[in-house]
């Protein structure tokens, strides 16, 4: 499947996911949705670096080949509609639903598989697309 088709599929599934979040009592805002691979000149060293390289240098990312650069990942800022802070239970619920849509959830990053039910990873607001399914599972409005 072409990258463009994967991006279209991701967009449709993400739309359905955001609608699901709303129905479950959460609000969602986009954080990082796309990261340019265009080189940027560093004002200090005058060398060109990608935005992703700068994020790594500043300890804001751990991956040089981020799905954000392919427009196949988004960081969501999630909040509960009742105003309470997101709990680990909230994150596990949200992450499990995203994974049921065949996505990869950042709440698993840095966690050993045997601890998936009890330990939250370092990037719980990260949702990326890894599946190639024939029919996007978007919710109809």
N, C-alpha and C. Protein backbone atom coordinates (compact mmCIF):
# COMPACT_ATOMS: atom_id res chain seq x y z
N UNK A 1 0.85 -1.17 0.00
CA UNK A 1 0.00 0.00 0.00
C UNK A 1 0.90 1.24 0.00
N UNK A 2 0.54 2.21 -0.78
CA UNK A 2 1.34 3.43 -0.88
C UNK A 2 1.28 4.24 0.42
N UNK A 3 2.28 5.07 0.61
CA UNK A 3 2.30 5.94 1.79
C UNK A 3 1.08 6.84 1.81
N UNK A 4 0.70 7.39 0.65
CA UNK A 4 -0.47 8.27 0.58
C UNK A 4 -1.73 7.53 1.03
N UNK A 5 -1.88 6.28 0.62
CA UNK A 5 -3.06 5.51 1.04
C UNK A 5 -3.01 5.18 2.53
N UNK A 6 -1.83 4.91 3.05
CA UNK A 6 -1.71 4.69 4.50
C UNK A 6 -2.08 5.95 5.26
N UNK A 7 -1.66 7.12 4.75
CA UNK A 7 -1.99 8.39 5.41
C UNK A 7 -3.50 8.63 5.39
N UNK A 8 -4.14 8.32 4.28
CA UNK A 8 -5.60 8.49 4.20
C UNK A 8 -6.30 7.57 5.20
N UNK A 9 -5.83 6.33 5.25
CA UNK A 9 -6.42 5.35 6.16
C UNK A 9 -6.23 5.79 7.62
N UNK A 10 -5.03 6.25 7.94
CA UNK A 10 -4.75 6.73 9.29
C UNK A 10 -5.66 7.90 9.66
N UNK A 11 -5.85 8.82 8.73
CA UNK A 11 -6.70 9.98 8.98
C UNK A 11 -8.13 9.55 9.30
N UNK A 12 -8.66 8.60 8.54
CA UNK A 12 -10.02 8.13 8.78
C UNK A 12 -10.14 7.41 10.13
N UNK A 13 -9.18 6.56 10.43
CA UNK A 13 -9.23 5.83 11.70
C UNK A 13 -9.05 6.79 12.86
N UNK A 14 -8.15 7.76 12.72
CA UNK A 14 -7.94 8.74 13.78
C UNK A 14 -9.21 9.57 14.01
N UNK A 15 -9.91 9.92 12.94
CA UNK A 15 -11.17 10.66 13.09
C UNK A 15 -12.17 9.86 13.91
N UNK A 16 -12.31 8.59 13.59
CA UNK A 16 -13.21 7.73 14.37
C UNK A 16 -12.77 7.60 15.82
N UNK A 17 -11.47 7.53 16.04
CA UNK A 17 -10.91 7.42 17.38
C UNK A 17 -11.23 8.66 18.20
N UNK A 18 -11.08 9.84 17.61
CA UNK A 18 -11.37 11.10 18.32
C UNK A 18 -12.86 11.18 18.66
N UNK A 19 -13.70 10.72 17.76
CA UNK A 19 -15.15 10.69 18.04
C UNK A 19 -15.44 9.72 19.19
N UNK A 20 -14.78 8.57 19.18
CA UNK A 20 -14.93 7.60 20.27
C UNK A 20 -14.49 8.22 21.59
N UNK A 21 -13.34 8.90 21.59
CA UNK A 21 -12.85 9.55 22.81
C UNK A 21 -13.89 10.51 23.37
N UNK A 22 -14.49 11.31 22.50
CA UNK A 22 -15.51 12.27 22.93
C UNK A 22 -16.68 11.55 23.60
N UNK A 23 -17.12 10.46 23.00
CA UNK A 23 -18.24 9.70 23.56
C UNK A 23 -17.91 9.02 24.88
N UNK A 24 -16.62 8.79 25.12
CA UNK A 24 -16.19 8.14 26.36
C UNK A 24 -15.85 9.14 27.47
N UNK A 25 -16.04 10.43 27.19
CA UNK A 25 -15.83 11.43 28.23
C UNK A 25 -14.48 12.11 28.23
N UNK A 26 -13.79 12.09 27.08
CA UNK A 26 -12.48 12.73 26.97
C UNK A 26 -12.52 13.83 25.90
N UNK A 27 -11.68 14.83 26.06
CA UNK A 27 -11.48 15.80 25.00
C UNK A 27 -10.09 15.56 24.42
N UNK A 28 -9.95 15.84 23.13
CA UNK A 28 -8.67 15.60 22.45
C UNK A 28 -8.26 16.84 21.68
N UNK A 29 -6.98 17.15 21.78
CA UNK A 29 -6.38 18.21 20.96
C UNK A 29 -5.12 17.64 20.34
N UNK A 30 -4.80 18.11 19.13
CA UNK A 30 -3.58 17.64 18.49
C UNK A 30 -2.37 18.33 19.08
N UNK A 31 -1.34 17.54 19.36
CA UNK A 31 -0.02 18.04 19.68
C UNK A 31 0.78 17.93 18.39
N UNK A 32 1.87 17.19 18.41
CA UNK A 32 2.65 16.96 17.20
C UNK A 32 1.91 16.01 16.28
N UNK A 33 1.64 16.45 15.07
CA UNK A 33 0.99 15.58 14.09
C UNK A 33 1.90 15.33 12.90
N UNK A 34 2.75 16.26 12.56
CA UNK A 34 3.68 16.08 11.44
C UNK A 34 4.98 16.77 11.77
N UNK A 35 6.06 16.11 11.42
CA UNK A 35 7.39 16.68 11.63
C UNK A 35 8.10 16.74 10.29
N UNK A 36 8.51 17.91 9.92
CA UNK A 36 9.20 18.10 8.66
C UNK A 36 10.56 17.42 8.69
N UNK A 37 10.96 16.90 7.54
CA UNK A 37 12.30 16.33 7.39
C UNK A 37 13.23 17.33 6.72
N UNK A 38 12.72 18.52 6.43
CA UNK A 38 13.56 19.56 5.83
C UNK A 38 14.68 19.95 6.80
N UNK A 39 15.89 20.12 6.28
CA UNK A 39 16.98 20.53 7.17
C UNK A 39 16.81 21.98 7.63
N UNK A 40 17.14 22.20 8.89
CA UNK A 40 17.08 23.53 9.49
C UNK A 40 18.49 23.91 9.94
N UNK A 41 18.86 25.14 9.71
CA UNK A 41 20.20 25.57 10.11
C UNK A 41 20.23 25.90 11.59
N UNK A 42 21.15 25.29 12.29
CA UNK A 42 21.34 25.55 13.71
C UNK A 42 22.02 26.91 13.86
N UNK A 43 21.47 27.82 14.68
CA UNK A 43 22.08 29.14 14.82
C UNK A 43 23.45 29.11 15.50
N UNK A 44 23.72 28.05 16.29
CA UNK A 44 25.00 27.96 16.97
C UNK A 44 26.11 27.39 16.08
N UNK A 45 25.86 26.19 15.56
CA UNK A 45 26.92 25.52 14.81
C UNK A 45 26.85 25.78 13.31
N UNK A 46 25.77 26.39 12.85
CA UNK A 46 25.56 26.71 11.44
C UNK A 46 25.41 25.48 10.54
N UNK A 47 25.26 24.31 11.14
CA UNK A 47 25.07 23.08 10.36
C UNK A 47 23.58 22.81 10.22
N UNK A 48 23.23 22.07 9.18
CA UNK A 48 21.84 21.72 8.93
C UNK A 48 21.48 20.45 9.71
N UNK A 49 20.31 20.50 10.36
CA UNK A 49 19.79 19.35 11.10
C UNK A 49 18.29 19.26 10.82
N UNK A 50 17.77 18.04 10.83
CA UNK A 50 16.32 17.88 10.70
C UNK A 50 15.67 18.23 12.05
N UNK A 51 14.41 18.55 12.01
CA UNK A 51 13.65 18.83 13.23
C UNK A 51 13.73 17.62 14.16
N UNK A 52 13.63 16.41 13.58
CA UNK A 52 13.69 15.19 14.38
C UNK A 52 15.04 15.07 15.09
N UNK A 53 16.12 15.40 14.40
CA UNK A 53 17.45 15.37 15.03
C UNK A 53 17.53 16.37 16.18
N UNK A 54 16.92 17.53 16.00
CA UNK A 54 16.92 18.53 17.07
C UNK A 54 16.11 18.05 18.28
N UNK A 55 15.00 17.37 18.01
CA UNK A 55 14.20 16.82 19.12
C UNK A 55 15.01 15.79 19.90
N UNK A 56 15.74 14.95 19.20
CA UNK A 56 16.57 13.94 19.86
C UNK A 56 17.66 14.61 20.68
N UNK A 57 18.33 15.60 20.10
CA UNK A 57 19.40 16.31 20.80
C UNK A 57 18.90 16.99 22.07
N UNK A 58 17.62 17.39 22.06
CA UNK A 58 17.02 18.05 23.22
C UNK A 58 16.23 17.08 24.10
N UNK A 59 16.42 15.78 23.86
CA UNK A 59 15.78 14.72 24.64
C UNK A 59 14.25 14.80 24.62
N UNK A 60 13.70 15.21 23.47
CA UNK A 60 12.24 15.29 23.30
C UNK A 60 11.72 14.14 22.45
N UNK A 61 12.64 13.35 21.89
CA UNK A 61 12.29 12.16 21.11
C UNK A 61 13.43 11.18 21.23
N UNK A 62 13.10 9.91 20.99
CA UNK A 62 14.13 8.86 21.07
C UNK A 62 14.32 8.17 19.73
N UNK A 63 13.54 8.55 18.73
CA UNK A 63 13.56 7.86 17.43
C UNK A 63 13.95 8.80 16.31
N UNK A 64 14.95 8.41 15.53
CA UNK A 64 15.33 9.20 14.37
C UNK A 64 14.33 9.01 13.22
N UNK A 65 13.79 7.80 13.10
CA UNK A 65 12.82 7.50 12.04
C UNK A 65 11.41 7.53 12.61
N UNK A 66 10.94 8.68 12.98
CA UNK A 66 9.62 8.83 13.59
C UNK A 66 8.51 8.70 12.55
N UNK A 67 7.43 8.04 12.96
CA UNK A 67 6.24 7.94 12.09
C UNK A 67 5.61 9.32 11.88
N UNK A 68 5.91 10.28 12.76
CA UNK A 68 5.42 11.65 12.56
C UNK A 68 5.93 12.20 11.23
N UNK A 69 7.15 11.85 10.86
CA UNK A 69 7.74 12.36 9.61
C UNK A 69 7.02 11.82 8.39
N UNK A 70 6.37 10.66 8.54
CA UNK A 70 5.58 10.07 7.45
C UNK A 70 4.10 10.43 7.55
N UNK A 71 3.75 11.26 8.51
CA UNK A 71 2.35 11.63 8.76
C UNK A 71 1.50 10.41 9.13
N UNK A 72 2.12 9.51 9.89
CA UNK A 72 1.43 8.30 10.34
C UNK A 72 1.41 8.19 11.87
N UNK A 73 1.59 9.33 12.54
CA UNK A 73 1.52 9.36 14.00
C UNK A 73 1.06 10.74 14.44
N UNK A 74 0.42 10.75 15.60
CA UNK A 74 0.00 12.01 16.19
C UNK A 74 0.12 11.90 17.71
N UNK A 75 0.53 12.99 18.33
CA UNK A 75 0.52 13.09 19.78
C UNK A 75 -0.75 13.85 20.15
N UNK A 76 -1.60 13.22 20.94
CA UNK A 76 -2.84 13.85 21.37
C UNK A 76 -2.71 14.33 22.81
N UNK A 77 -3.28 15.48 23.06
CA UNK A 77 -3.40 16.01 24.42
C UNK A 77 -4.80 15.64 24.87
N UNK A 78 -4.89 14.69 25.79
CA UNK A 78 -6.19 14.20 26.25
C UNK A 78 -6.50 14.72 27.64
N UNK A 79 -7.76 15.05 27.83
CA UNK A 79 -8.25 15.50 29.14
C UNK A 79 -9.60 14.88 29.38
N UNK A 80 -9.91 14.69 30.63
CA UNK A 80 -11.24 14.20 30.98
C UNK A 80 -12.22 15.37 30.98
N UNK A 81 -13.42 15.13 30.50
CA UNK A 81 -14.43 16.19 30.46
C UNK A 81 -14.88 16.62 31.86
N UNK A 82 -14.72 15.73 32.84
CA UNK A 82 -15.14 16.10 34.21
C UNK A 82 -14.09 16.95 34.93
N UNK A 83 -12.99 17.27 34.23
CA UNK A 83 -11.97 18.15 34.79
C UNK A 83 -10.92 17.45 35.64
N UNK A 84 -11.12 16.17 35.92
CA UNK A 84 -10.14 15.44 36.71
C UNK A 84 -8.94 15.07 35.83
N UNK A 85 -7.82 14.84 36.48
CA UNK A 85 -6.59 14.46 35.78
C UNK A 85 -6.73 13.05 35.17
N UNK A 86 -6.13 12.85 34.00
CA UNK A 86 -6.10 11.52 33.39
C UNK A 86 -5.38 10.56 34.33
N UNK A 87 -6.00 9.43 34.59
CA UNK A 87 -5.39 8.40 35.45
C UNK A 87 -4.74 7.34 34.56
N UNK A 88 -3.94 6.49 35.19
CA UNK A 88 -3.38 5.37 34.44
C UNK A 88 -4.50 4.52 33.85
N UNK A 89 -5.59 4.33 34.61
CA UNK A 89 -6.73 3.54 34.11
C UNK A 89 -7.32 4.18 32.85
N UNK A 90 -7.42 5.50 32.83
CA UNK A 90 -7.90 6.19 31.63
C UNK A 90 -6.98 5.91 30.45
N UNK A 91 -5.68 6.07 30.68
CA UNK A 91 -4.71 5.85 29.60
C UNK A 91 -4.77 4.42 29.09
N UNK A 92 -4.87 3.44 30.01
CA UNK A 92 -4.94 2.04 29.58
C UNK A 92 -6.20 1.78 28.74
N UNK A 93 -7.31 2.39 29.13
CA UNK A 93 -8.56 2.23 28.37
C UNK A 93 -8.40 2.80 26.97
N UNK A 94 -7.90 4.01 26.89
CA UNK A 94 -7.70 4.70 25.61
C UNK A 94 -6.70 3.93 24.74
N UNK A 95 -5.58 3.53 25.35
CA UNK A 95 -4.56 2.81 24.60
C UNK A 95 -5.05 1.47 24.09
N UNK A 96 -5.79 0.75 24.91
CA UNK A 96 -6.33 -0.55 24.49
C UNK A 96 -7.28 -0.38 23.31
N UNK A 97 -8.09 0.67 23.33
CA UNK A 97 -9.00 0.89 22.22
C UNK A 97 -8.22 1.21 20.94
N UNK A 98 -7.19 2.07 21.05
CA UNK A 98 -6.38 2.40 19.87
C UNK A 98 -5.73 1.13 19.31
N UNK A 99 -5.21 0.29 20.18
CA UNK A 99 -4.59 -0.96 19.73
C UNK A 99 -5.61 -1.89 19.08
N UNK A 100 -6.86 -1.84 19.53
CA UNK A 100 -7.91 -2.66 18.90
C UNK A 100 -8.19 -2.22 17.48
N UNK A 101 -7.81 -0.97 17.16
CA UNK A 101 -7.96 -0.45 15.80
C UNK A 101 -6.71 -0.75 14.96
N UNK A 102 -5.82 -1.54 15.53
CA UNK A 102 -4.56 -1.95 14.87
C UNK A 102 -3.52 -0.86 14.85
N UNK A 103 -3.57 0.05 15.82
CA UNK A 103 -2.56 1.08 15.94
C UNK A 103 -1.51 0.71 16.98
N UNK A 104 -0.47 1.47 17.05
CA UNK A 104 0.60 1.30 18.05
C UNK A 104 0.49 2.46 19.03
N UNK A 105 0.48 2.12 20.32
CA UNK A 105 0.27 3.12 21.36
C UNK A 105 1.56 3.38 22.13
N UNK A 106 1.91 4.66 22.32
CA UNK A 106 3.12 5.05 23.02
C UNK A 106 3.12 4.74 24.51
N UNK A 107 1.97 4.39 25.07
CA UNK A 107 1.91 3.99 26.46
C UNK A 107 2.61 2.66 26.72
N UNK A 108 2.99 1.98 25.65
CA UNK A 108 3.74 0.72 25.77
C UNK A 108 5.25 0.95 25.68
N UNK A 109 5.66 2.13 25.23
CA UNK A 109 7.08 2.40 25.01
C UNK A 109 7.85 2.30 26.32
N UNK A 110 8.90 1.51 26.30
CA UNK A 110 9.76 1.35 27.47
C UNK A 110 9.24 0.38 28.51
N UNK A 111 8.15 -0.32 28.20
CA UNK A 111 7.54 -1.25 29.15
C UNK A 111 7.72 -2.69 28.65
N UNK A 112 8.13 -3.56 29.54
CA UNK A 112 8.24 -4.97 29.18
C UNK A 112 6.86 -5.56 29.01
N UNK A 113 6.71 -6.45 28.03
CA UNK A 113 5.40 -7.00 27.69
C UNK A 113 4.66 -7.58 28.89
N UNK A 114 5.37 -8.23 29.80
CA UNK A 114 4.71 -8.82 30.96
C UNK A 114 4.17 -7.76 31.93
N UNK A 115 4.57 -6.50 31.75
CA UNK A 115 4.09 -5.41 32.62
C UNK A 115 3.08 -4.50 31.93
N UNK A 116 2.61 -4.89 30.75
CA UNK A 116 1.68 -4.05 29.98
C UNK A 116 0.41 -3.68 30.75
N UNK A 117 -0.06 -4.53 31.64
CA UNK A 117 -1.33 -4.27 32.33
C UNK A 117 -1.16 -3.37 33.56
N UNK A 118 0.09 -3.15 33.98
CA UNK A 118 0.30 -2.42 35.22
C UNK A 118 1.21 -1.21 35.11
N UNK A 119 1.97 -1.11 34.02
CA UNK A 119 2.96 -0.04 33.90
C UNK A 119 2.70 0.79 32.65
N UNK A 120 2.71 2.09 32.83
CA UNK A 120 2.49 3.03 31.73
C UNK A 120 3.82 3.48 31.16
N UNK A 121 3.94 3.44 29.83
CA UNK A 121 5.18 3.84 29.16
C UNK A 121 5.38 5.34 29.11
N UNK A 122 6.46 5.73 28.47
CA UNK A 122 6.90 7.12 28.52
C UNK A 122 6.21 8.06 27.54
N UNK A 123 5.32 7.55 26.67
CA UNK A 123 4.70 8.45 25.69
C UNK A 123 3.22 8.08 25.48
N UNK A 124 2.44 8.14 26.55
CA UNK A 124 1.05 7.67 26.51
C UNK A 124 0.17 8.45 25.54
N UNK A 125 0.52 9.67 25.22
CA UNK A 125 -0.28 10.47 24.29
C UNK A 125 0.06 10.25 22.82
N UNK A 126 0.94 9.29 22.54
CA UNK A 126 1.40 9.02 21.16
C UNK A 126 0.57 7.89 20.56
N UNK A 127 0.04 8.14 19.35
CA UNK A 127 -0.76 7.15 18.64
C UNK A 127 -0.27 7.08 17.21
N UNK A 128 0.17 5.90 16.80
CA UNK A 128 0.69 5.78 15.43
C UNK A 128 0.02 4.64 14.69
N UNK A 129 0.08 4.74 13.38
CA UNK A 129 -0.58 3.81 12.50
C UNK A 129 0.42 2.79 11.98
N UNK A 130 0.12 1.53 12.17
CA UNK A 130 0.98 0.47 11.67
C UNK A 130 0.22 -0.55 10.83
N UNK A 131 -1.10 -0.50 10.89
CA UNK A 131 -1.91 -1.51 10.22
C UNK A 131 -2.18 -1.15 8.77
N UNK A 132 -2.38 -2.17 8.00
CA UNK A 132 -2.86 -2.01 6.63
C UNK A 132 -4.08 -2.91 6.51
N UNK A 133 -5.25 -2.32 6.72
CA UNK A 133 -6.49 -3.08 6.61
C UNK A 133 -7.25 -2.58 5.40
N UNK A 134 -8.14 -3.42 4.87
CA UNK A 134 -8.84 -3.03 3.65
C UNK A 134 -9.92 -1.98 3.90
N UNK A 135 -10.55 -1.99 5.06
CA UNK A 135 -11.60 -1.03 5.36
C UNK A 135 -11.25 -0.25 6.62
N UNK A 136 -11.05 1.07 6.53
CA UNK A 136 -10.82 1.86 7.74
C UNK A 136 -11.99 1.71 8.71
N UNK A 137 -11.67 1.69 10.00
CA UNK A 137 -12.71 1.49 11.01
C UNK A 137 -13.12 2.84 11.60
N UNK A 138 -13.52 3.75 10.75
CA UNK A 138 -13.92 5.08 11.21
C UNK A 138 -15.39 5.08 11.60
N UNK A 139 -15.71 5.85 12.59
CA UNK A 139 -17.08 6.01 13.04
C UNK A 139 -17.80 6.97 12.11
N UNK A 140 -18.99 6.63 11.72
CA UNK A 140 -19.80 7.54 10.89
C UNK A 140 -20.54 8.53 11.77
N UNK A 141 -20.61 9.77 11.30
CA UNK A 141 -21.30 10.81 12.06
C UNK A 141 -22.74 10.89 11.58
